Protein backbone atom coordinates (compact mmCIF):
# COMPACT_ATOMS: atom_id res chain seq x y z
CA MET A 1 253.43 89.39 215.69
CA GLY A 2 250.36 87.35 214.93
CA GLU A 3 247.02 88.30 216.35
CA LYS A 4 245.12 85.81 218.47
CA PHE A 5 241.41 85.57 218.03
CA ILE A 6 239.11 84.21 220.71
CA GLU A 7 236.26 82.27 219.26
CA ILE A 8 232.98 83.20 220.91
CA PRO A 9 230.40 80.42 220.84
CA THR A 10 227.24 81.43 219.05
CA LEU A 11 223.87 81.11 220.69
CA LYS A 12 221.60 78.90 218.73
CA LEU A 13 218.07 80.13 218.26
CA GLU A 14 216.50 76.91 219.43
CA HIS A 15 218.43 77.11 222.74
CA VAL A 16 217.15 80.63 223.35
CA GLU A 17 213.58 79.62 222.58
CA LYS A 18 213.86 76.59 224.85
CA ASN A 19 215.12 78.69 227.77
CA ILE A 20 212.34 81.23 227.24
CA ASN A 21 209.72 78.49 227.21
CA VAL A 22 211.09 77.02 230.44
CA LEU A 23 211.05 80.46 232.06
CA GLU A 24 207.47 81.07 230.95
CA HIS A 25 206.46 77.67 232.34
CA GLU A 26 208.07 78.46 235.70
CA VAL A 27 206.38 81.86 235.87
CA SER A 28 203.00 80.32 235.07
CA LEU A 29 203.43 77.72 237.80
CA ASP A 30 204.82 80.22 240.28
CA GLY A 31 201.90 82.61 239.93
CA SER A 32 201.63 83.04 243.68
CA SER A 33 204.72 85.22 243.75
CA LYS A 34 202.70 88.05 242.18
CA PHE A 35 200.19 88.14 245.03
CA HIS A 36 200.76 89.57 248.45
CA SER A 37 198.44 89.78 251.41
CA PHE A 38 197.49 93.07 252.97
CA LEU A 39 194.74 91.79 255.26
CA PHE A 40 196.32 89.66 258.00
CA SER A 41 199.69 88.38 259.14
CA PRO A 42 201.25 85.47 257.18
CA GLU A 43 201.07 83.23 260.27
CA PHE A 44 197.35 83.86 260.71
CA GLU A 45 196.61 83.27 257.04
CA SER A 46 198.65 80.07 257.06
CA THR A 47 196.61 78.78 260.00
CA LEU A 48 193.36 79.92 258.38
CA ASN A 49 194.35 78.13 255.18
CA ARG A 50 194.90 74.86 257.06
CA LEU A 51 191.60 75.17 258.92
CA SER A 52 189.34 76.41 256.10
CA LYS A 53 188.35 73.02 254.70
CA TRP A 54 187.77 71.55 258.15
CA ALA A 55 185.70 74.56 259.23
CA ILE A 56 183.33 74.04 256.31
CA THR A 57 183.13 70.33 257.15
CA VAL A 58 182.12 71.19 260.71
CA ILE A 59 179.48 73.58 259.34
CA PHE A 60 178.09 70.80 257.14
CA ALA A 61 177.98 68.46 260.16
CA ALA A 62 176.25 71.12 262.26
CA VAL A 63 173.65 71.75 259.52
CA PHE A 64 172.87 68.04 259.29
CA ILE A 65 172.64 67.60 263.07
CA TRP A 66 170.39 70.66 263.29
CA ARG A 67 168.07 69.72 260.41
CA ARG A 68 168.28 65.90 260.29
CA ASP A 69 166.27 65.61 257.09
CA ALA A 70 166.69 63.98 253.67
CA GLU A 71 167.90 67.12 251.91
CA ALA A 72 170.74 67.57 254.42
CA ALA A 73 171.75 63.94 253.81
CA TRP A 74 171.62 64.53 250.04
CA VAL A 75 173.85 67.61 250.30
CA THR A 76 176.31 65.69 252.48
CA ILE A 77 176.48 62.90 249.90
CA GLY A 78 177.06 65.58 247.26
CA SER A 79 180.04 66.98 249.16
CA VAL A 80 181.69 63.54 249.12
CA VAL A 81 180.89 62.99 245.42
CA ASN A 82 182.28 66.47 244.68
CA SER A 83 185.55 65.56 246.43
CA LEU A 84 185.80 62.30 244.47
CA LEU A 85 185.16 64.23 241.25
CA CYS A 86 188.02 66.59 242.11
CA ILE A 87 190.40 63.65 242.67
CA ALA A 88 189.42 62.20 239.28
CA LEU A 89 189.94 65.56 237.56
CA LYS A 90 193.39 65.86 239.14
CA ARG A 91 194.38 62.53 237.60
CA ILE A 92 192.96 63.51 234.19
CA LEU A 93 194.37 67.06 233.95
CA ASN A 94 197.61 66.17 235.80
CA GLN A 95 199.02 69.69 236.07
CA ASP A 96 201.91 70.34 238.45
CA ARG A 97 201.62 72.53 241.51
CA PRO A 98 203.65 75.77 241.78
CA ILE A 99 207.42 75.39 241.94
CA GLY A 100 208.67 74.87 245.48
CA ASN A 101 205.55 73.13 246.76
CA THR A 102 206.34 69.81 248.45
CA LYS A 103 203.00 68.09 247.76
CA SER A 104 203.33 65.43 245.09
CA ASP A 105 199.74 65.21 243.81
CA PRO A 106 198.60 67.28 240.81
CA GLY A 107 197.38 70.82 241.40
CA MET A 108 194.61 71.18 238.81
CA PRO A 109 191.90 71.70 239.97
CA SER A 110 192.22 72.94 243.55
CA CYS A 111 190.27 70.62 245.85
CA HIS A 112 189.97 73.42 248.40
CA GLY A 113 188.50 75.77 245.80
CA GLN A 114 186.10 73.12 244.53
CA TYR A 115 184.99 72.07 248.03
CA ILE A 116 184.63 75.64 249.32
CA PHE A 117 182.55 76.84 246.37
CA TYR A 118 180.34 73.75 246.49
CA ALA A 119 179.48 74.83 250.04
CA VAL A 120 179.23 78.55 249.17
CA ILE A 121 176.74 78.00 246.33
CA TYR A 122 174.73 75.57 248.47
CA PHE A 123 174.46 78.02 251.38
CA ILE A 124 173.51 80.93 249.11
CA LEU A 125 170.86 79.02 247.16
CA SER A 126 169.42 77.48 250.34
CA MET A 127 169.18 80.92 251.92
CA PHE A 128 167.39 82.34 248.87
CA GLN A 129 165.03 79.36 248.85
CA TRP A 130 164.30 79.68 252.57
CA LEU A 131 164.17 83.47 253.06
CA GLY A 132 163.63 84.73 249.53
CA VAL A 133 165.65 87.25 247.54
CA ASN A 134 165.74 90.63 249.30
CA GLU A 135 168.29 93.26 250.29
CA ILE A 136 169.42 91.43 253.43
CA THR A 137 169.84 88.01 251.81
CA VAL A 138 171.69 89.54 248.85
CA ILE A 139 174.12 91.29 251.22
CA VAL A 140 174.64 88.06 253.18
CA ALA A 141 175.18 86.18 249.91
CA VAL A 142 177.83 88.69 248.83
CA VAL A 143 179.58 88.31 252.21
CA ILE A 144 179.52 84.49 251.93
CA LEU A 145 180.88 84.71 248.38
CA ALA A 146 183.64 87.08 249.51
CA ILE A 147 184.65 84.77 252.38
CA GLY A 148 184.73 81.77 250.05
CA SER A 149 186.80 83.69 247.51
CA TYR A 150 189.26 84.80 250.19
CA LEU A 151 189.66 81.28 251.59
CA SER A 152 190.27 79.96 248.07
CA TRP A 153 192.73 82.76 247.29
CA LEU A 154 194.77 81.71 250.32
CA ARG A 155 195.71 78.58 248.36
CA VAL A 156 197.45 80.85 245.85
CA LEU A 157 198.99 83.01 248.54
CA GLN A 158 200.41 79.98 250.36
CA ARG A 159 201.82 78.63 247.05
CA PHE A 160 199.73 75.45 247.04
CA HIS A 161 198.07 76.31 243.71
CA THR A 162 198.22 78.75 240.84
CA MET A 163 195.38 81.17 240.29
CA ASN A 164 194.11 79.17 237.31
CA GLN A 165 193.98 75.98 239.39
CA VAL A 166 191.90 77.70 242.06
CA LEU A 167 189.57 79.30 239.50
CA VAL A 168 188.98 75.97 237.76
CA GLY A 169 188.28 74.30 241.11
CA ALA A 170 185.84 77.05 242.08
CA ALA A 171 184.07 76.74 238.71
CA PHE A 172 183.72 72.96 238.98
CA GLY A 173 182.51 73.21 242.58
CA SER A 174 179.92 75.86 241.73
CA CYS A 175 178.59 73.97 238.71
CA PHE A 176 178.42 70.69 240.60
CA SER A 177 176.59 72.35 243.50
CA LEU A 178 174.02 73.83 241.09
CA ALA A 179 173.53 70.48 239.35
CA TRP A 180 173.29 68.55 242.62
CA LEU A 181 170.69 70.88 244.13
CA TRP A 182 168.73 70.95 240.86
CA ALA A 183 168.66 67.14 240.91
CA TRP A 184 167.22 67.21 244.43
CA ASN A 185 164.50 69.76 243.65
CA ALA A 186 163.56 68.35 240.24
CA ILE A 187 163.92 64.57 240.69
CA VAL A 188 165.17 63.16 243.98
CA SER A 189 162.88 64.98 246.44
CA GLU A 190 159.66 63.66 244.91
CA ALA A 191 161.13 60.18 244.43
CA PHE A 192 162.32 60.12 248.05
CA ASN A 193 158.84 60.89 249.37
CA SER A 194 157.12 58.28 247.21
CA ASN A 195 159.58 55.39 246.83
CA LEU A 196 160.90 53.28 249.69
CA TRP A 197 163.89 52.04 247.69
CA VAL A 198 165.01 55.60 247.01
CA GLN A 199 164.80 56.35 250.73
CA VAL A 200 166.85 53.27 251.60
CA SER A 201 169.42 54.01 248.87
CA ILE A 202 169.97 57.59 250.01
CA LEU A 203 170.23 56.63 253.67
CA VAL A 204 172.69 53.80 252.90
CA ALA A 205 174.75 56.12 250.68
CA PHE A 206 174.73 58.75 253.42
CA ALA A 207 175.89 56.21 256.01
CA MET A 208 178.68 55.01 253.71
CA CYS A 209 179.80 58.59 253.04
CA CYS A 210 179.89 59.34 256.78
CA LEU A 211 181.90 56.18 257.45
CA ALA A 212 184.32 56.91 254.61
CA PHE A 213 184.76 60.48 255.82
CA GLN A 214 185.43 59.34 259.38
CA LEU A 215 188.08 56.90 258.19
CA TYR A 216 189.64 59.62 256.04
CA VAL A 217 189.75 62.08 258.92
CA ILE A 218 191.22 59.47 261.27
CA LEU A 219 193.97 58.70 258.79
CA LYS A 220 194.49 62.34 257.86
CA SER A 221 194.41 64.07 261.22
CA SER A 222 193.34 62.39 264.44
CA LYS A 223 193.17 65.68 266.30
CA TRP A 224 190.30 66.86 264.13
CA VAL A 225 188.37 63.68 264.87
CA ILE A 226 188.31 64.74 268.51
CA PHE A 227 187.38 68.30 267.56
CA VAL A 228 184.39 67.11 265.51
CA ILE A 229 183.31 64.81 268.35
CA PHE A 230 183.37 67.76 270.77
CA ALA A 231 181.32 69.83 268.32
CA VAL A 232 178.76 67.05 267.89
CA VAL A 233 178.46 66.46 271.65
CA PHE A 234 178.07 70.20 272.25
CA LEU A 235 175.30 70.51 269.62
CA TRP A 236 173.58 67.41 270.99
CA ARG A 237 173.65 68.26 274.71
CA ARG A 238 173.86 72.07 274.87
CA ASP A 239 174.30 72.20 278.65
CA ALA A 240 176.78 73.70 281.12
CA GLY A 241 178.77 70.47 281.52
CA VAL A 242 179.76 70.27 277.87
CA VAL A 243 180.58 74.00 277.85
CA TRP A 244 182.92 73.39 280.79
CA ALA A 245 184.54 70.47 278.96
CA THR A 246 185.03 72.61 275.84
CA ILE A 247 186.67 75.38 277.87
CA GLY A 248 188.92 72.76 279.45
CA SER A 249 190.01 71.47 276.04
CA VAL A 250 191.09 74.98 275.05
CA LEU A 251 192.98 75.51 278.33
CA ASN A 252 194.62 72.10 277.91
CA SER A 253 195.84 73.14 274.45
CA LEU A 254 197.16 76.45 275.81
CA LEU A 255 198.95 74.54 278.57
CA CYS A 256 200.61 72.37 275.94
CA VAL A 257 201.73 75.43 273.95
CA ALA A 258 203.25 76.93 277.11
CA LEU A 259 205.05 73.67 277.92
CA LYS A 260 206.49 73.56 274.40
CA ARG A 261 208.00 77.01 274.92
CA ILE A 262 209.40 76.05 278.33
CA LEU A 263 210.87 72.66 277.42
CA ASN A 264 211.87 73.79 273.89
CA GLN A 265 212.97 70.40 272.61
CA GLU A 266 213.43 69.97 268.88
CA ARG A 267 211.47 67.53 266.77
CA PRO A 268 213.17 64.50 265.20
CA THR A 269 215.61 65.06 262.36
CA GLY A 270 213.86 65.33 259.03
CA ASN A 271 210.60 66.75 260.36
CA MET A 272 209.56 69.91 258.51
CA ARG A 273 207.78 71.63 261.41
CA SER A 274 209.70 74.32 263.27
CA ASP A 275 207.85 74.39 266.61
CA PRO A 276 209.20 72.36 269.58
CA GLY A 277 208.27 68.68 269.74
CA ILE A 278 207.74 68.04 273.43
CA PRO A 279 205.09 67.68 274.64
CA SER A 280 203.02 66.40 271.73
CA SER A 281 199.89 68.52 271.44
CA HIS A 282 198.09 65.62 269.75
CA GLY A 283 198.92 63.22 272.57
CA GLN A 284 197.85 65.68 275.27
CA TYR A 285 194.65 66.72 273.44
CA ILE A 286 193.58 63.15 272.67
CA SER A 287 194.34 61.97 276.21
CA TYR A 288 192.27 64.82 277.66
CA THR A 289 189.29 63.83 275.53
CA VAL A 290 189.61 60.09 276.20
CA MET A 291 189.73 60.53 279.95
CA TYR A 292 186.85 63.01 279.94
CA PHE A 293 184.64 60.63 278.00
CA ILE A 294 185.54 57.70 280.27
CA LEU A 295 184.91 59.63 283.50
CA SER A 296 181.66 61.09 282.14
CA MET A 297 180.49 57.61 281.13
CA PHE A 298 181.24 56.22 284.60
CA GLN A 299 179.39 59.15 286.18
CA TRP A 300 176.37 58.72 283.86
CA LEU A 301 176.07 54.91 283.62
CA GLY A 302 178.05 53.74 286.62
CA VAL A 303 180.96 51.31 286.76
CA ASN A 304 179.96 47.89 285.42
CA GLU A 305 181.25 45.27 283.01
CA ILE A 306 179.92 47.03 279.91
CA THR A 307 181.26 50.48 280.79
CA VAL A 308 184.64 49.06 281.82
CA VAL A 309 184.96 47.23 278.48
CA PHE A 310 183.88 50.34 276.59
CA ALA A 311 186.37 52.43 278.59
CA ALA A 312 189.16 50.00 277.69
CA VAL A 313 188.22 50.21 274.00
CA THR A 314 188.12 54.02 274.16
CA PHE A 315 191.50 54.11 275.89
CA ALA A 316 193.02 51.74 273.31
CA PHE A 317 191.58 53.80 270.46
CA GLY A 318 193.02 57.01 271.90
CA SER A 319 196.42 55.37 272.36
CA CYS A 320 196.30 54.14 268.77
CA LEU A 321 195.55 57.65 267.50
CA SER A 322 198.40 59.14 269.53
CA ARG A 323 200.92 56.58 268.30
CA GLY A 324 199.60 56.56 264.74
CA TYR A 325 200.18 60.28 264.38
CA GLY A 326 203.72 59.79 265.56
CA SER A 327 204.66 57.46 262.73
CA GLY A 328 208.36 58.00 262.21
CA ILE A 329 208.62 60.25 265.30
CA LEU A 330 210.59 59.22 268.36
CA LEU A 331 208.45 57.49 270.97
CA PHE A 332 209.64 59.56 273.90
CA LEU A 333 207.88 62.59 272.41
CA LYS A 334 204.62 60.79 273.21
CA LEU A 335 205.28 59.12 276.54
CA SER A 336 205.19 62.26 278.67
CA ASN A 337 201.84 63.45 277.32
CA PRO A 338 199.19 60.89 278.31
CA MET A 339 199.88 61.27 282.03
CA ARG A 340 199.87 65.05 281.75
CA GLY A 341 196.60 64.99 279.81
CA PHE A 342 195.08 62.45 282.24
CA LYS A 343 196.06 64.51 285.28
CA PHE A 344 194.70 67.72 283.79
CA VAL A 345 191.35 66.23 282.77
CA PHE A 346 190.96 64.44 286.11
CA TRP A 347 191.50 67.70 287.98
CA TRP A 348 189.23 69.60 285.54
CA HIS A 349 186.50 66.99 285.85
CA LEU A 350 186.61 67.21 289.65
CA GLN A 351 186.11 70.97 289.40
CA SER A 352 182.99 70.49 287.24
CA VAL A 353 181.56 67.90 289.65
CA ALA A 354 182.30 70.07 292.66
């Protein structure tokens, strides 16, 4: 009886090496799997990660509104140039994000890391320049550095970047902040005080940066436009009326969250968010703000042709923001929100007047 032999295919060395290289590449891109958070809940850190860049932007806006000088304008211009530099570096380095991330743009360097550390270095150096180097300022500087490092590390934890991408972004942001502030102290400050053309150039550049940022925010997230407007109005007025309006905006948002839980209607098919879709928090929040501004304007300036036209423009702009955010989302998710927001703000405004 003849014996049957089963031929076992041999593994070629180049196939083994190729598979090992692929595995090493995946591990290097998926570096976030090695890190786990022991500080806060994943939900809180996810929210903090989304808000970190906007929080620093609001701080920059508050610093400029508070100081209103040439150096604040120069630092604001630097933040925009730093962001443009990061975009250019992404295109040049062109390194993928970690595996599983849905964002299509390159991950090296991390824009969050670069933006956050630009602000961190600026705040620390400005504090040392203003208050000197002593025990208190050193402790505050360490705290600011720790907060910036934690906010940047969240990008790794949330699998948006690898650790190397965040470190490179932080390094670029820190170096650019040092160079930008050195340029102000060594060159630009003296030229600004002595040359009219330098003054005009910086002010025009600052205005263009502000306009570009506003357009970016409007296209990126209309809800944050309203948030920044509230912050600016609060810093400008600083009275009881604007405090009442701010409290009302928070209560209006909580009302929307409660209504989402009660109605519990799913978002359109294909949307990645898991929370209910009706009512739209953007539509309700924007409508609240639009109506409050219109009613406050009528109360302050009266009802005339100019205020009516301006109210119509404000209303149209708010409607555009509400619909623009819902691109690709069913229209009925928006229709129920303006009236709810209008009713709430009208009632809330009457309480403040009374």
